[in-house]
């Protein structure tokens, strides 16, 4: 199982498409066996979900995400957790324990990269 967490530094990014990169965690038997970081190759409609799918990602975590990305992930059978915040390592551990819940945060504003109208700052 491979998990991608949209990240800004070591923290979960508030907005999936405008994150600095992705913290990738590979799990075996409920334990983290590999950690990687991939720089965000750029925000273009529909690109990032396909990019992560090509990396073998099976679940994605972000603070918020646009409806288009959510739809692409759903069509590819990739589980999405939104509304997350805090340290990526803690989020990955919660995911491994089955304790991570999605708040369903959908971004409705994409006019700028610094904030998102779909959830709080």
N, C-alpha and C. Protein backbone atom coordinates (compact mmCIF):
# COMPACT_ATOMS: atom_id res chain seq x y z
N UNK A 1 0.86 -1.18 0.00
CA UNK A 1 0.00 0.00 0.00
C UNK A 1 0.89 1.23 0.00
N UNK A 2 0.57 2.18 -0.88
CA UNK A 2 1.34 3.42 -0.94
C UNK A 2 0.40 4.60 -0.70
N UNK A 3 0.81 5.47 0.23
CA UNK A 3 0.05 6.66 0.62
C UNK A 3 0.82 7.90 0.19
N UNK A 4 0.12 8.88 -0.38
CA UNK A 4 0.71 10.18 -0.70
C UNK A 4 0.04 11.25 0.16
N UNK A 5 0.85 12.05 0.84
CA UNK A 5 0.33 13.16 1.63
C UNK A 5 0.81 14.45 0.99
N UNK A 6 -0.13 15.29 0.54
CA UNK A 6 0.22 16.60 0.00
C UNK A 6 0.88 17.39 1.13
N UNK A 7 2.10 17.86 0.89
CA UNK A 7 2.84 18.46 2.00
C UNK A 7 3.48 19.80 1.64
N UNK A 8 3.60 20.61 2.67
CA UNK A 8 4.36 21.85 2.66
C UNK A 8 5.35 21.69 3.80
N UNK A 9 6.59 21.42 3.46
CA UNK A 9 7.56 21.07 4.49
C UNK A 9 7.17 19.72 5.08
N UNK A 10 7.11 19.67 6.41
CA UNK A 10 6.74 18.41 7.08
C UNK A 10 5.26 18.37 7.46
N UNK A 11 4.50 19.39 7.04
CA UNK A 11 3.08 19.49 7.41
C UNK A 11 2.19 19.19 6.20
N UNK A 12 0.99 18.72 6.50
CA UNK A 12 -0.01 18.49 5.47
C UNK A 12 -0.36 19.84 4.83
N UNK A 13 -0.39 19.87 3.52
CA UNK A 13 -0.74 21.09 2.80
C UNK A 13 -2.24 21.36 2.90
N UNK A 14 -2.60 22.61 2.95
CA UNK A 14 -4.02 22.98 3.00
C UNK A 14 -4.70 22.76 1.66
N UNK A 15 -3.93 22.77 0.59
CA UNK A 15 -4.53 22.62 -0.74
C UNK A 15 -3.71 21.64 -1.58
N UNK A 16 -4.33 20.57 -2.00
CA UNK A 16 -3.70 19.51 -2.75
C UNK A 16 -2.89 20.00 -3.96
N UNK A 17 -3.50 20.74 -4.85
CA UNK A 17 -2.86 21.13 -6.10
C UNK A 17 -1.72 22.11 -5.96
N UNK A 18 -1.66 22.84 -4.87
CA UNK A 18 -0.64 23.87 -4.70
C UNK A 18 0.38 23.51 -3.63
N UNK A 19 0.47 22.24 -3.27
CA UNK A 19 1.43 21.80 -2.26
C UNK A 19 2.85 21.88 -2.82
N UNK A 20 3.83 21.91 -1.91
CA UNK A 20 5.23 21.90 -2.33
C UNK A 20 5.60 20.54 -2.93
N UNK A 21 5.03 19.49 -2.37
CA UNK A 21 5.36 18.14 -2.83
C UNK A 21 4.49 17.11 -2.15
N UNK A 22 4.91 15.86 -2.27
CA UNK A 22 4.15 14.76 -1.69
C UNK A 22 5.06 13.88 -0.85
N UNK A 23 4.67 13.67 0.40
CA UNK A 23 5.35 12.71 1.26
C UNK A 23 4.74 11.36 0.91
N UNK A 24 5.57 10.44 0.44
CA UNK A 24 5.09 9.12 0.05
C UNK A 24 5.51 8.10 1.09
N UNK A 25 4.56 7.29 1.52
CA UNK A 25 4.80 6.26 2.51
C UNK A 25 4.36 4.92 1.93
N UNK A 26 5.22 3.93 2.02
CA UNK A 26 4.88 2.58 1.61
C UNK A 26 4.70 1.74 2.87
N UNK A 27 3.59 1.00 2.92
CA UNK A 27 3.23 0.20 4.09
C UNK A 27 3.24 -1.28 3.74
N UNK A 28 3.70 -2.09 4.69
CA UNK A 28 3.57 -3.54 4.62
C UNK A 28 3.16 -4.00 6.01
N UNK A 29 2.14 -4.82 6.06
CA UNK A 29 1.63 -5.34 7.33
C UNK A 29 1.36 -4.24 8.35
N UNK A 30 0.82 -3.11 7.88
CA UNK A 30 0.45 -2.01 8.77
C UNK A 30 1.61 -1.20 9.30
N UNK A 31 2.79 -1.37 8.71
CA UNK A 31 3.98 -0.63 9.17
C UNK A 31 4.59 0.13 8.00
N UNK A 32 5.14 1.30 8.30
CA UNK A 32 5.83 2.09 7.29
C UNK A 32 7.16 1.42 7.00
N UNK A 33 7.39 1.06 5.73
CA UNK A 33 8.65 0.42 5.34
C UNK A 33 9.50 1.30 4.43
N UNK A 34 8.90 2.37 3.89
CA UNK A 34 9.66 3.26 3.02
C UNK A 34 9.06 4.65 3.06
N UNK A 35 9.94 5.67 3.08
CA UNK A 35 9.54 7.07 3.04
C UNK A 35 10.25 7.73 1.86
N UNK A 36 9.49 8.52 1.10
CA UNK A 36 10.06 9.24 -0.03
C UNK A 36 9.43 10.62 -0.08
N UNK A 37 10.04 11.51 -0.84
CA UNK A 37 9.44 12.81 -1.09
C UNK A 37 9.55 13.11 -2.58
N UNK A 38 8.44 13.54 -3.17
CA UNK A 38 8.40 13.90 -4.58
C UNK A 38 7.94 15.35 -4.67
N UNK A 39 8.68 16.16 -5.40
CA UNK A 39 8.32 17.56 -5.60
C UNK A 39 7.09 17.64 -6.50
N UNK A 40 6.19 18.56 -6.19
CA UNK A 40 5.00 18.77 -7.01
C UNK A 40 5.46 19.23 -8.40
N UNK A 41 5.13 18.47 -9.45
CA UNK A 41 5.58 18.83 -10.79
C UNK A 41 4.77 19.97 -11.42
N UNK A 42 3.77 20.46 -10.71
CA UNK A 42 2.99 21.59 -11.23
C UNK A 42 1.50 21.31 -11.23
N UNK A 43 0.73 22.35 -10.99
CA UNK A 43 -0.72 22.24 -10.90
C UNK A 43 -1.35 22.52 -12.26
N UNK A 44 -1.90 21.47 -12.85
CA UNK A 44 -2.67 21.58 -14.08
C UNK A 44 -3.89 20.69 -13.89
N UNK A 45 -5.05 21.14 -14.31
CA UNK A 45 -6.27 20.33 -14.10
C UNK A 45 -6.09 18.89 -14.56
N UNK A 46 -6.35 17.97 -13.64
CA UNK A 46 -6.32 16.55 -13.93
C UNK A 46 -4.96 15.89 -13.93
N UNK A 47 -3.89 16.66 -13.87
CA UNK A 47 -2.55 16.09 -13.98
C UNK A 47 -2.11 15.35 -12.72
N UNK A 48 -2.22 15.98 -11.55
CA UNK A 48 -1.67 15.38 -10.33
C UNK A 48 -2.31 14.04 -9.95
N UNK A 49 -3.63 13.87 -10.07
CA UNK A 49 -4.17 12.55 -9.75
C UNK A 49 -3.58 11.45 -10.64
N UNK A 50 -3.40 11.73 -11.92
CA UNK A 50 -2.81 10.74 -12.82
C UNK A 50 -1.33 10.52 -12.52
N UNK A 51 -0.61 11.59 -12.18
CA UNK A 51 0.80 11.51 -11.80
C UNK A 51 0.97 10.58 -10.59
N UNK A 52 0.15 10.79 -9.55
CA UNK A 52 0.25 9.97 -8.34
C UNK A 52 -0.18 8.52 -8.61
N UNK A 53 -1.18 8.35 -9.44
CA UNK A 53 -1.61 7.00 -9.81
C UNK A 53 -0.46 6.26 -10.50
N UNK A 54 0.24 6.94 -11.38
CA UNK A 54 1.38 6.34 -12.09
C UNK A 54 2.51 5.96 -11.13
N UNK A 55 2.58 6.62 -9.96
CA UNK A 55 3.58 6.28 -8.95
C UNK A 55 3.14 5.10 -8.08
N UNK A 56 1.93 4.61 -8.31
CA UNK A 56 1.43 3.48 -7.55
C UNK A 56 0.70 3.84 -6.27
N UNK A 57 0.32 5.10 -6.13
CA UNK A 57 -0.37 5.57 -4.93
C UNK A 57 -1.78 4.98 -4.88
N UNK A 58 -2.17 4.52 -3.70
CA UNK A 58 -3.50 3.92 -3.50
C UNK A 58 -4.38 4.74 -2.57
N UNK A 59 -3.79 5.73 -1.88
CA UNK A 59 -4.55 6.61 -0.99
C UNK A 59 -3.83 7.95 -0.94
N UNK A 60 -4.63 9.03 -0.80
CA UNK A 60 -4.10 10.40 -0.80
C UNK A 60 -4.69 11.17 0.38
N UNK A 61 -3.85 12.01 0.99
CA UNK A 61 -4.28 12.85 2.11
C UNK A 61 -3.95 14.30 1.77
N UNK A 62 -4.88 15.21 2.09
CA UNK A 62 -4.66 16.64 1.90
C UNK A 62 -5.58 17.41 2.83
N UNK A 63 -5.26 18.69 3.00
CA UNK A 63 -6.16 19.55 3.76
C UNK A 63 -7.46 19.74 3.00
N UNK A 64 -7.35 20.09 1.74
CA UNK A 64 -8.51 20.28 0.88
C UNK A 64 -8.16 19.90 -0.54
N UNK A 65 -9.18 19.67 -1.34
CA UNK A 65 -8.96 19.22 -2.71
C UNK A 65 -10.15 19.63 -3.56
N UNK A 66 -9.89 19.97 -4.80
CA UNK A 66 -10.95 20.34 -5.72
C UNK A 66 -11.78 19.15 -6.16
N UNK A 67 -13.00 19.44 -6.58
CA UNK A 67 -13.93 18.39 -6.98
C UNK A 67 -13.42 17.58 -8.17
N UNK A 68 -12.70 18.24 -9.10
CA UNK A 68 -12.18 17.53 -10.26
C UNK A 68 -11.18 16.45 -9.86
N UNK A 69 -10.25 16.80 -8.97
CA UNK A 69 -9.27 15.82 -8.50
C UNK A 69 -9.96 14.70 -7.74
N UNK A 70 -10.93 15.04 -6.91
CA UNK A 70 -11.67 14.01 -6.18
C UNK A 70 -12.33 13.03 -7.13
N UNK A 71 -12.90 13.54 -8.20
CA UNK A 71 -13.58 12.68 -9.17
C UNK A 71 -12.59 11.75 -9.88
N UNK A 72 -11.44 12.28 -10.27
CA UNK A 72 -10.43 11.45 -10.94
C UNK A 72 -9.95 10.35 -10.01
N UNK A 73 -9.64 10.71 -8.76
CA UNK A 73 -9.21 9.70 -7.79
C UNK A 73 -10.28 8.63 -7.61
N UNK A 74 -11.54 9.03 -7.49
CA UNK A 74 -12.63 8.07 -7.32
C UNK A 74 -12.71 7.12 -8.52
N UNK A 75 -12.56 7.67 -9.71
CA UNK A 75 -12.62 6.84 -10.92
C UNK A 75 -11.46 5.86 -11.00
N UNK A 76 -10.35 6.17 -10.36
CA UNK A 76 -9.18 5.30 -10.37
C UNK A 76 -9.15 4.37 -9.15
N UNK A 77 -10.15 4.49 -8.28
CA UNK A 77 -10.21 3.64 -7.10
C UNK A 77 -9.21 4.02 -6.02
N UNK A 78 -8.76 5.27 -6.03
CA UNK A 78 -7.81 5.76 -5.04
C UNK A 78 -8.58 6.45 -3.92
N UNK A 79 -8.35 6.01 -2.70
CA UNK A 79 -9.03 6.56 -1.53
C UNK A 79 -8.48 7.94 -1.19
N UNK A 80 -9.36 8.88 -0.84
CA UNK A 80 -8.95 10.24 -0.53
C UNK A 80 -9.41 10.62 0.87
N UNK A 81 -8.50 11.23 1.62
CA UNK A 81 -8.78 11.75 2.96
C UNK A 81 -8.52 13.25 2.92
N UNK A 82 -9.53 14.07 3.12
CA UNK A 82 -9.36 15.51 3.16
C UNK A 82 -9.68 16.03 4.55
N UNK A 83 -9.31 17.28 4.78
CA UNK A 83 -9.52 17.90 6.09
C UNK A 83 -8.40 17.60 7.06
N UNK A 84 -7.34 16.97 6.59
CA UNK A 84 -6.21 16.63 7.45
C UNK A 84 -5.36 17.87 7.70
N UNK A 85 -4.72 17.89 8.85
CA UNK A 85 -3.77 18.96 9.17
C UNK A 85 -2.75 18.43 10.15
N UNK A 86 -1.61 19.11 10.19
CA UNK A 86 -0.56 18.73 11.13
C UNK A 86 0.59 18.02 10.45
N UNK A 87 1.34 17.28 11.23
CA UNK A 87 2.56 16.62 10.83
C UNK A 87 2.29 15.40 9.93
N UNK A 88 2.98 15.33 8.81
CA UNK A 88 2.79 14.21 7.86
C UNK A 88 3.09 12.86 8.50
N UNK A 89 4.12 12.79 9.29
CA UNK A 89 4.50 11.52 9.92
C UNK A 89 3.37 11.02 10.84
N UNK A 90 2.77 11.93 11.60
CA UNK A 90 1.65 11.55 12.48
C UNK A 90 0.46 11.08 11.65
N UNK A 91 0.19 11.78 10.55
CA UNK A 91 -0.92 11.40 9.67
C UNK A 91 -0.67 10.00 9.10
N UNK A 92 0.56 9.73 8.67
CA UNK A 92 0.89 8.41 8.13
C UNK A 92 0.70 7.32 9.18
N UNK A 93 1.09 7.62 10.42
CA UNK A 93 0.92 6.66 11.51
C UNK A 93 -0.56 6.42 11.79
N UNK A 94 -1.36 7.50 11.80
CA UNK A 94 -2.81 7.35 11.99
C UNK A 94 -3.41 6.51 10.87
N UNK A 95 -2.96 6.73 9.64
CA UNK A 95 -3.44 5.95 8.50
C UNK A 95 -3.11 4.47 8.70
N UNK A 96 -1.88 4.17 9.10
CA UNK A 96 -1.46 2.78 9.31
C UNK A 96 -2.31 2.09 10.37
N UNK A 97 -2.74 2.84 11.37
CA UNK A 97 -3.56 2.29 12.45
C UNK A 97 -5.04 2.22 12.09
N UNK A 98 -5.40 2.77 10.93
CA UNK A 98 -6.81 2.80 10.54
C UNK A 98 -7.60 3.86 11.27
N UNK A 99 -6.90 4.87 11.79
CA UNK A 99 -7.53 5.91 12.60
C UNK A 99 -7.72 7.23 11.86
N UNK A 100 -7.38 7.28 10.58
CA UNK A 100 -7.51 8.52 9.82
C UNK A 100 -8.90 8.61 9.21
N UNK A 101 -9.56 9.73 9.45
CA UNK A 101 -10.90 9.96 8.92
C UNK A 101 -10.87 11.15 7.98
N UNK A 102 -11.72 11.14 6.97
CA UNK A 102 -11.81 12.25 6.04
C UNK A 102 -12.91 13.20 6.47
N UNK A 103 -12.61 14.51 6.38
CA UNK A 103 -13.62 15.52 6.70
C UNK A 103 -14.39 15.93 5.46
N UNK A 104 -13.98 15.44 4.30
CA UNK A 104 -14.69 15.76 3.06
C UNK A 104 -14.51 17.20 2.61
N UNK A 105 -13.36 17.82 2.90
CA UNK A 105 -13.12 19.21 2.53
C UNK A 105 -12.89 19.34 1.03
N UNK A 106 -13.82 20.01 0.36
CA UNK A 106 -13.70 20.24 -1.07
C UNK A 106 -13.45 21.71 -1.30
N UNK A 107 -12.38 22.02 -2.04
CA UNK A 107 -12.03 23.40 -2.32
C UNK A 107 -12.94 23.95 -3.41
N UNK A 108 -13.43 25.15 -3.19
CA UNK A 108 -14.30 25.77 -4.19
C UNK A 108 -13.66 26.97 -4.85
N UNK A 109 -12.52 27.42 -4.36
CA UNK A 109 -11.81 28.58 -4.92
C UNK A 109 -10.45 28.12 -5.44
N UNK A 110 -10.13 28.47 -6.67
CA UNK A 110 -8.82 28.14 -7.20
C UNK A 110 -8.16 29.35 -7.84
N UNK A 111 -8.47 30.53 -7.33
CA UNK A 111 -7.93 31.75 -7.92
C UNK A 111 -6.49 32.03 -7.52
N UNK A 112 -6.05 31.48 -6.40
CA UNK A 112 -4.68 31.72 -5.97
C UNK A 112 -4.18 30.57 -5.12
N UNK A 113 -2.88 30.46 -5.00
CA UNK A 113 -2.27 29.29 -4.37
C UNK A 113 -2.15 29.40 -2.85
N UNK A 114 -2.37 30.58 -2.28
CA UNK A 114 -2.08 30.76 -0.86
C UNK A 114 -3.23 30.43 0.07
N UNK A 115 -4.43 30.33 -0.44
CA UNK A 115 -5.54 29.98 0.44
C UNK A 115 -6.59 29.25 -0.36
N UNK A 116 -7.56 28.72 0.35
CA UNK A 116 -8.60 27.96 -0.32
C UNK A 116 -9.93 28.34 0.30
N UNK A 117 -10.88 28.70 -0.53
CA UNK A 117 -12.19 29.12 -0.04
C UNK A 117 -13.03 27.99 0.50
N UNK A 118 -12.60 26.73 0.32
CA UNK A 118 -13.40 25.60 0.74
C UNK A 118 -13.17 25.17 2.16
N UNK A 119 -12.15 25.70 2.84
CA UNK A 119 -11.90 25.34 4.23
C UNK A 119 -11.16 26.48 4.90
N UNK A 120 -11.08 26.43 6.20
CA UNK A 120 -10.53 27.55 6.97
C UNK A 120 -9.02 27.64 6.84
N UNK A 121 -8.52 28.84 7.06
CA UNK A 121 -7.08 29.07 7.10
C UNK A 121 -6.61 28.63 8.42
